[in-house]
N, C-alpha and C. Protein backbone atom coordinates (compact mmCIF):
# COMPACT_ATOMS: atom_id res chain seq x y z
N LEU A 1 -8.88 7.74 13.04
CA LEU A 1 -8.40 6.32 13.15
C LEU A 1 -8.01 6.17 14.26
N ASP A 2 -8.31 4.55 14.82
CA ASP A 2 -7.56 4.51 15.76
C ASP A 2 -6.51 4.15 15.74
N PRO A 3 -5.66 4.22 16.82
CA PRO A 3 -4.30 3.78 17.16
C PRO A 3 -4.02 2.49 16.57
N ILE A 4 -4.51 1.17 16.78
CA ILE A 4 -4.54 0.18 16.67
C ILE A 4 -4.55 -0.41 14.82
N SER A 5 -4.84 0.70 14.16
CA SER A 5 -5.08 0.54 12.51
C SER A 5 -3.68 0.52 12.12
N GLY A 6 -3.51 -0.44 11.05
CA GLY A 6 -2.18 -0.69 10.16
C GLY A 6 -2.64 -1.69 9.05
N ALA A 7 -1.23 -1.60 8.73
CA ALA A 7 -1.34 -2.56 7.02
C ALA A 7 0.16 -3.27 7.06
N ALA A 8 -0.03 -4.61 6.92
CA ALA A 8 1.22 -5.20 6.43
C ALA A 8 1.15 -5.74 4.89
N ILE A 9 1.76 -5.45 4.52
CA ILE A 9 2.20 -5.64 3.27
C ILE A 9 3.33 -6.51 2.49
N ASN A 10 3.70 -7.41 1.65
CA ASN A 10 4.77 -7.89 1.48
C ASN A 10 4.88 -7.55 -0.09
N LEU A 11 5.85 -7.20 -0.38
CA LEU A 11 6.53 -7.12 -1.68
C LEU A 11 7.61 -7.97 -2.34
N HIS A 12 6.96 -8.47 -3.45
CA HIS A 12 8.09 -9.43 -4.20
C HIS A 12 8.75 -8.63 -5.42
N PHE A 13 10.21 -8.85 -5.31
CA PHE A 13 11.00 -7.93 -6.12
C PHE A 13 11.72 -8.88 -7.12
N ALA A 14 11.61 -8.91 -8.50
CA ALA A 14 12.46 -9.78 -9.30
C ALA A 14 13.59 -9.05 -10.07
N SER A 15 14.22 -9.93 -10.85
CA SER A 15 15.06 -9.40 -11.57
C SER A 15 15.88 -10.26 -12.70
N GLN A 16 16.03 -9.82 -13.66
CA GLN A 16 16.21 -11.07 -14.67
C GLN A 16 17.47 -12.06 -14.59
N ASP A 17 18.58 -11.22 -13.42
CA ASP A 17 19.74 -12.00 -13.21
C ASP A 17 20.29 -11.25 -11.64
N TYR A 18 20.17 -11.27 -10.93
CA TYR A 18 20.32 -10.74 -9.57
C TYR A 18 22.03 -10.49 -9.37
N THR A 19 22.79 -11.44 -10.03
CA THR A 19 24.56 -11.69 -9.88
C THR A 19 24.61 -10.01 -10.70
N SER A 20 23.83 -9.54 -11.61
CA SER A 20 24.67 -8.82 -12.78
C SER A 20 23.36 -7.60 -12.63
N HIS A 21 21.82 -7.51 -12.29
CA HIS A 21 21.16 -6.58 -12.44
C HIS A 21 20.38 -6.44 -11.12
N GLY A 22 20.29 -5.26 -10.78
CA GLY A 22 19.15 -4.77 -9.58
C GLY A 22 17.93 -5.65 -9.97
N PRO A 23 16.78 -5.31 -9.09
CA PRO A 23 15.22 -5.71 -9.28
C PRO A 23 14.79 -4.57 -10.23
N ASN A 24 14.08 -4.86 -11.19
CA ASN A 24 12.96 -4.39 -12.31
C ASN A 24 11.86 -4.12 -12.32
N ASP A 25 10.90 -5.27 -11.29
CA ASP A 25 9.72 -5.23 -11.12
C ASP A 25 9.11 -5.59 -9.53
N ALA A 26 8.33 -5.37 -9.12
CA ALA A 26 7.90 -5.23 -7.75
C ALA A 26 6.57 -5.82 -7.92
N SER A 27 6.02 -6.66 -6.95
CA SER A 27 4.58 -6.90 -7.11
C SER A 27 4.12 -6.98 -5.42
N VAL A 28 2.78 -6.87 -5.13
CA VAL A 28 2.53 -6.82 -3.77
C VAL A 28 2.00 -8.51 -3.92
N GLY A 29 2.78 -9.48 -3.00
CA GLY A 29 2.35 -10.79 -2.77
C GLY A 29 1.28 -10.84 -1.35
N VAL A 30 1.21 -10.58 -0.40
CA VAL A 30 0.28 -10.61 0.28
C VAL A 30 -0.05 -9.43 1.09
N CYS A 31 -1.27 -8.56 1.60
CA CYS A 31 -1.50 -7.42 1.79
C CYS A 31 -2.49 -7.50 2.55
N ASN A 32 -2.71 -7.53 3.94
CA ASN A 32 -3.51 -7.46 5.10
C ASN A 32 -3.46 -5.74 6.09
N SER A 33 -4.60 -5.38 5.70
CA SER A 33 -4.95 -4.22 6.38
C SER A 33 -6.19 -4.26 7.34
N ASN A 34 -5.93 -3.63 8.53
CA ASN A 34 -6.74 -3.43 9.77
C ASN A 34 -6.93 -2.06 9.86
N ILE A 35 -8.01 -1.30 9.31
CA ILE A 35 -8.33 -0.23 9.41
C ILE A 35 -9.72 0.05 10.45
N GLN A 36 -9.04 0.65 11.56
CA GLN A 36 -9.84 0.77 12.71
C GLN A 36 -10.68 2.17 12.91
N ILE A 37 -12.09 2.55 12.97
CA ILE A 37 -12.12 3.60 13.06
C ILE A 37 -12.75 3.77 14.60
N ALA A 38 -12.06 4.64 15.47
CA ALA A 38 -12.70 4.67 16.43
C ALA A 38 -14.01 5.45 16.84
N ASP A 39 -14.46 6.67 16.14
CA ASP A 39 -15.73 6.83 16.53
C ASP A 39 -16.04 7.94 14.98
N MET A 40 -17.26 7.90 15.23
CA MET A 40 -17.99 9.00 14.22
C MET A 40 -19.16 9.61 14.87
N SER A 41 -18.86 11.07 14.55
CA SER A 41 -19.83 11.58 14.99
C SER A 41 -20.37 12.70 14.09
N PHE A 42 -21.73 12.63 13.65
CA PHE A 42 -22.54 13.36 12.97
C PHE A 42 -23.09 14.32 13.45
N THR A 43 -23.32 15.93 12.81
CA THR A 43 -23.88 17.06 13.03
C THR A 43 -24.02 17.89 11.95
N GLY A 44 -24.99 18.84 12.23
CA GLY A 44 -25.14 19.97 10.89
C GLY A 44 -26.67 19.92 10.31
N ASP A 45 -27.53 19.05 10.74
CA ASP A 45 -28.96 18.95 10.02
C ASP A 45 -30.04 20.11 10.78
N GLY A 46 -29.42 21.35 11.37
CA GLY A 46 -30.48 21.93 11.78
C GLY A 46 -31.03 21.64 13.65
N LEU A 47 -31.88 21.13 13.19
CA LEU A 47 -32.57 20.46 14.77
C LEU A 47 -31.61 19.41 15.08
N GLY A 48 -30.85 18.53 14.43
CA GLY A 48 -30.15 17.49 15.13
C GLY A 48 -30.89 16.13 15.02
N VAL A 49 -32.33 16.36 14.23
CA VAL A 49 -32.68 14.90 14.35
C VAL A 49 -32.04 13.69 13.71
N ILE A 50 -31.92 14.09 12.15
CA ILE A 50 -31.35 13.21 11.91
C ILE A 50 -29.83 12.97 11.75
N ALA A 51 -28.85 13.68 12.52
CA ALA A 51 -27.68 13.29 12.77
C ALA A 51 -27.90 12.10 14.22
N SER A 52 -28.90 12.69 15.01
CA SER A 52 -28.94 11.82 15.91
C SER A 52 -29.54 10.52 15.80
N ILE A 53 -30.30 10.47 14.60
CA ILE A 53 -30.82 8.87 14.48
C ILE A 53 -29.16 8.00 13.50
N ILE A 54 -28.52 8.89 12.67
CA ILE A 54 -27.11 8.33 12.53
C ILE A 54 -26.05 7.71 13.45
N ASN A 55 -26.19 9.05 14.55
CA ASN A 55 -25.13 8.43 15.52
C ASN A 55 -25.85 7.30 16.22
N TRP A 56 -27.10 7.03 16.11
CA TRP A 56 -27.38 6.17 17.14
C TRP A 56 -27.23 4.68 16.39
N ILE A 57 -27.01 4.75 14.96
CA ILE A 57 -26.83 3.50 14.29
C ILE A 57 -25.36 3.81 13.51
N GLU A 58 -24.56 4.62 14.30
CA GLU A 58 -23.02 4.90 14.01
C GLU A 58 -22.18 3.57 13.74
N HIS A 59 -22.24 2.94 14.60
CA HIS A 59 -21.60 1.50 15.00
C HIS A 59 -21.73 0.61 13.44
N LEU A 60 -22.84 0.27 13.08
CA LEU A 60 -23.07 0.03 12.01
C LEU A 60 -22.72 0.59 10.58
N LEU A 61 -22.77 1.67 10.72
CA LEU A 61 -21.89 2.52 9.49
C LEU A 61 -20.43 2.16 9.41
N ARG A 62 -20.27 2.52 10.78
CA ARG A 62 -18.59 2.30 10.76
C ARG A 62 -17.82 0.91 10.55
N ASP A 63 -18.78 0.03 10.80
CA ASP A 63 -18.26 -1.32 10.42
C ASP A 63 -18.01 -1.79 9.16
N ARG A 64 -19.18 -1.35 8.13
CA ARG A 64 -19.34 -1.39 7.01
C ARG A 64 -18.13 -0.24 6.23
N ILE A 65 -17.96 0.88 6.75
CA ILE A 65 -16.71 1.66 6.15
C ILE A 65 -15.52 1.12 6.68
N GLU A 66 -15.22 0.78 7.78
CA GLU A 66 -14.31 -0.32 7.89
C GLU A 66 -13.80 -1.01 6.78
N SER A 67 -14.81 -2.03 6.36
CA SER A 67 -14.65 -3.20 6.02
C SER A 67 -14.24 -2.50 3.95
N GLU A 68 -15.09 -1.63 3.68
CA GLU A 68 -14.78 -0.95 2.76
C GLU A 68 -13.34 -0.10 2.33
N LEU A 69 -12.72 0.41 3.32
CA LEU A 69 -11.73 0.94 3.40
C LEU A 69 -10.37 -0.18 3.38
N ASN A 70 -10.97 -0.90 4.07
CA ASN A 70 -9.89 -2.21 4.16
C ASN A 70 -9.71 -2.92 2.47
N ALA A 71 -10.58 -2.83 2.12
CA ALA A 71 -10.41 -3.51 0.82
C ALA A 71 -9.85 -2.80 -0.24
N VAL A 72 -10.02 -1.52 -0.08
CA VAL A 72 -9.44 -0.61 -1.41
C VAL A 72 -7.94 -0.29 -1.26
N VAL A 73 -7.79 -0.34 0.50
CA VAL A 73 -6.31 -0.07 0.85
C VAL A 73 -5.37 -1.14 0.10
N CYS A 74 -5.60 -2.34 0.05
CA CYS A 74 -4.86 -3.24 -0.35
C CYS A 74 -4.86 -3.70 -2.26
N SER A 75 -6.11 -2.90 -2.61
CA SER A 75 -6.26 -2.77 -3.84
C SER A 75 -5.34 -1.52 -4.84
N GLU A 76 -5.51 -0.45 -3.81
CA GLU A 76 -4.75 0.82 -4.10
C GLU A 76 -3.19 0.48 -4.05
N LEU A 77 -2.77 -0.05 -3.26
CA LEU A 77 -1.38 -0.39 -2.95
C LEU A 77 -0.80 -1.28 -3.95
N GLY A 78 -1.49 -2.54 -4.44
CA GLY A 78 -0.99 -3.20 -5.35
C GLY A 78 -1.34 -2.55 -7.10
N GLY A 79 -1.80 -1.52 -7.12
CA GLY A 79 -1.64 -0.60 -8.24
C GLY A 79 -0.30 0.16 -8.21
N LEU A 80 -0.14 0.83 -7.14
CA LEU A 80 1.17 1.50 -6.81
C LEU A 80 2.34 0.59 -6.96
N ALA A 81 2.30 -0.25 -6.71
CA ALA A 81 3.15 -1.51 -6.55
C ALA A 81 3.47 -1.57 -8.27
N ASP A 82 2.54 -2.15 -8.94
CA ASP A 82 2.65 -2.41 -10.03
C ASP A 82 3.05 -1.13 -11.13
N GLU A 83 2.59 -0.08 -10.26
CA GLU A 83 3.39 1.06 -11.68
C GLU A 83 4.12 2.32 -11.30
N ALA A 84 3.86 2.65 -9.79
CA ALA A 84 5.29 3.57 -9.47
C ALA A 84 6.42 3.05 -9.06
N LEU A 85 6.24 1.56 -8.43
CA LEU A 85 7.65 1.57 -7.82
C LEU A 85 8.30 0.50 -9.08
N ASP A 86 7.19 0.07 -9.65
CA ASP A 86 8.33 -0.29 -11.02
C ASP A 86 9.01 0.53 -11.99
N ASP A 87 8.27 1.73 -12.14
CA ASP A 87 8.85 2.74 -12.73
C ASP A 87 10.46 3.21 -11.89
N LEU A 88 10.23 3.35 -10.40
CA LEU A 88 11.57 3.67 -9.70
C LEU A 88 12.31 2.75 -9.88
N LEU A 89 11.99 1.49 -10.01
CA LEU A 89 13.09 0.44 -9.91
C LEU A 89 13.57 0.42 -11.30
N VAL A 90 12.83 0.74 -12.14
CA VAL A 90 13.90 0.78 -13.70
C VAL A 90 14.78 2.29 -13.86
N ASP A 91 14.61 3.22 -13.13
CA ASP A 91 15.00 4.53 -13.08
C ASP A 91 16.44 3.89 -12.24
N LEU A 92 16.08 3.44 -10.98
CA LEU A 92 17.30 3.23 -10.30
C LEU A 92 18.21 2.13 -10.81
N SER A 93 18.17 0.90 -11.76
CA SER A 93 18.60 0.59 -12.57
C SER A 93 19.14 0.79 -13.27
N ASP A 94 18.98 1.78 -14.10
CA ASP A 94 19.43 2.43 -15.28
C ASP A 94 20.98 3.52 -14.87
N TRP A 95 20.11 4.10 -13.51
CA TRP A 95 21.35 4.97 -12.74
C TRP A 95 22.36 4.42 -12.27
N MET A 96 22.39 3.04 -12.10
CA MET A 96 23.52 2.32 -11.18
C MET A 96 24.48 1.56 -12.05
N GLU A 97 23.26 1.42 -13.61
CA GLU A 97 24.29 1.02 -14.55
C GLU A 97 25.87 1.64 -14.95
N ASP A 98 25.75 3.00 -14.75
CA ASP A 98 26.99 3.56 -14.77
C ASP A 98 28.12 3.36 -14.02
N TYR A 99 27.75 3.04 -12.87
CA TYR A 99 28.95 2.29 -11.86
C TYR A 99 28.87 1.12 -11.74
N LEU A 100 27.96 0.19 -12.31
CA LEU A 100 28.74 -1.17 -12.19
C LEU A 100 29.54 -1.50 -13.58
N VAL A 101 30.86 -2.08 -13.24
CA VAL A 101 31.75 -2.27 -14.26
C VAL A 101 31.93 -4.03 -13.97
N GLU A 102 31.45 -4.55 -15.19
CA GLU A 102 31.90 -5.96 -15.28
C GLU A 102 33.20 -6.63 -15.13
N GLU A 103 33.69 -7.38 -13.88
CA GLU A 103 35.04 -8.03 -13.64
C GLU A 103 35.53 -8.52 -14.87
N GLU A 104 36.94 -8.22 -15.35
CA GLU A 104 37.38 -9.27 -16.69
C GLU A 104 37.83 -10.49 -15.99
N ALA A 105 37.71 -11.94 -16.38
CA ALA A 105 38.82 -12.82 -16.13
C ALA A 105 39.88 -12.67 -16.10
N ARG A 106 40.61 -13.07 -15.06
CA ARG A 106 42.00 -12.91 -14.67
C ARG A 106 42.72 -14.55 -15.11
N PRO A 107 43.40 -14.63 -15.63
CA PRO A 107 43.97 -16.10 -15.74
C PRO A 107 44.89 -16.39 -14.51
N LEU A 108 44.79 -17.90 -13.96
CA LEU A 108 45.39 -18.22 -12.83
C LEU A 108 46.70 -18.80 -13.14
C-alpha cells in the first residue's frame, strides 16, 4: 500500500437516555476509504512472458483493485460496527451498571 492510503469513518452512538445510560448502539454514518496501491509486480510463469504482459497493463489492474478494495473496506466496517461494536457497548454498559448509583432527591 502507498503511504497516502487511509480511511475516515464517522461512527454514530445511540443510547436510550444519555443522562442515565451509556451508548448501546453504534452505526457507521459516513465512511470514506482511500486505498492506494503504490506498485504491483507479477512474476513466476517460467519464461516471464505472461508476467511481462500483466506488468505492462498493471496500472489498469491496480485502478480496478483499488476501487474494489475501497468499496469492501466501508462495507466491512459497517458490519463491524453493527455487530462487534454493539456487543462491546452492551457489555460495557452492563459492567458499568454496578458502579452507577441513582442519586436520591434531597429536600431543600
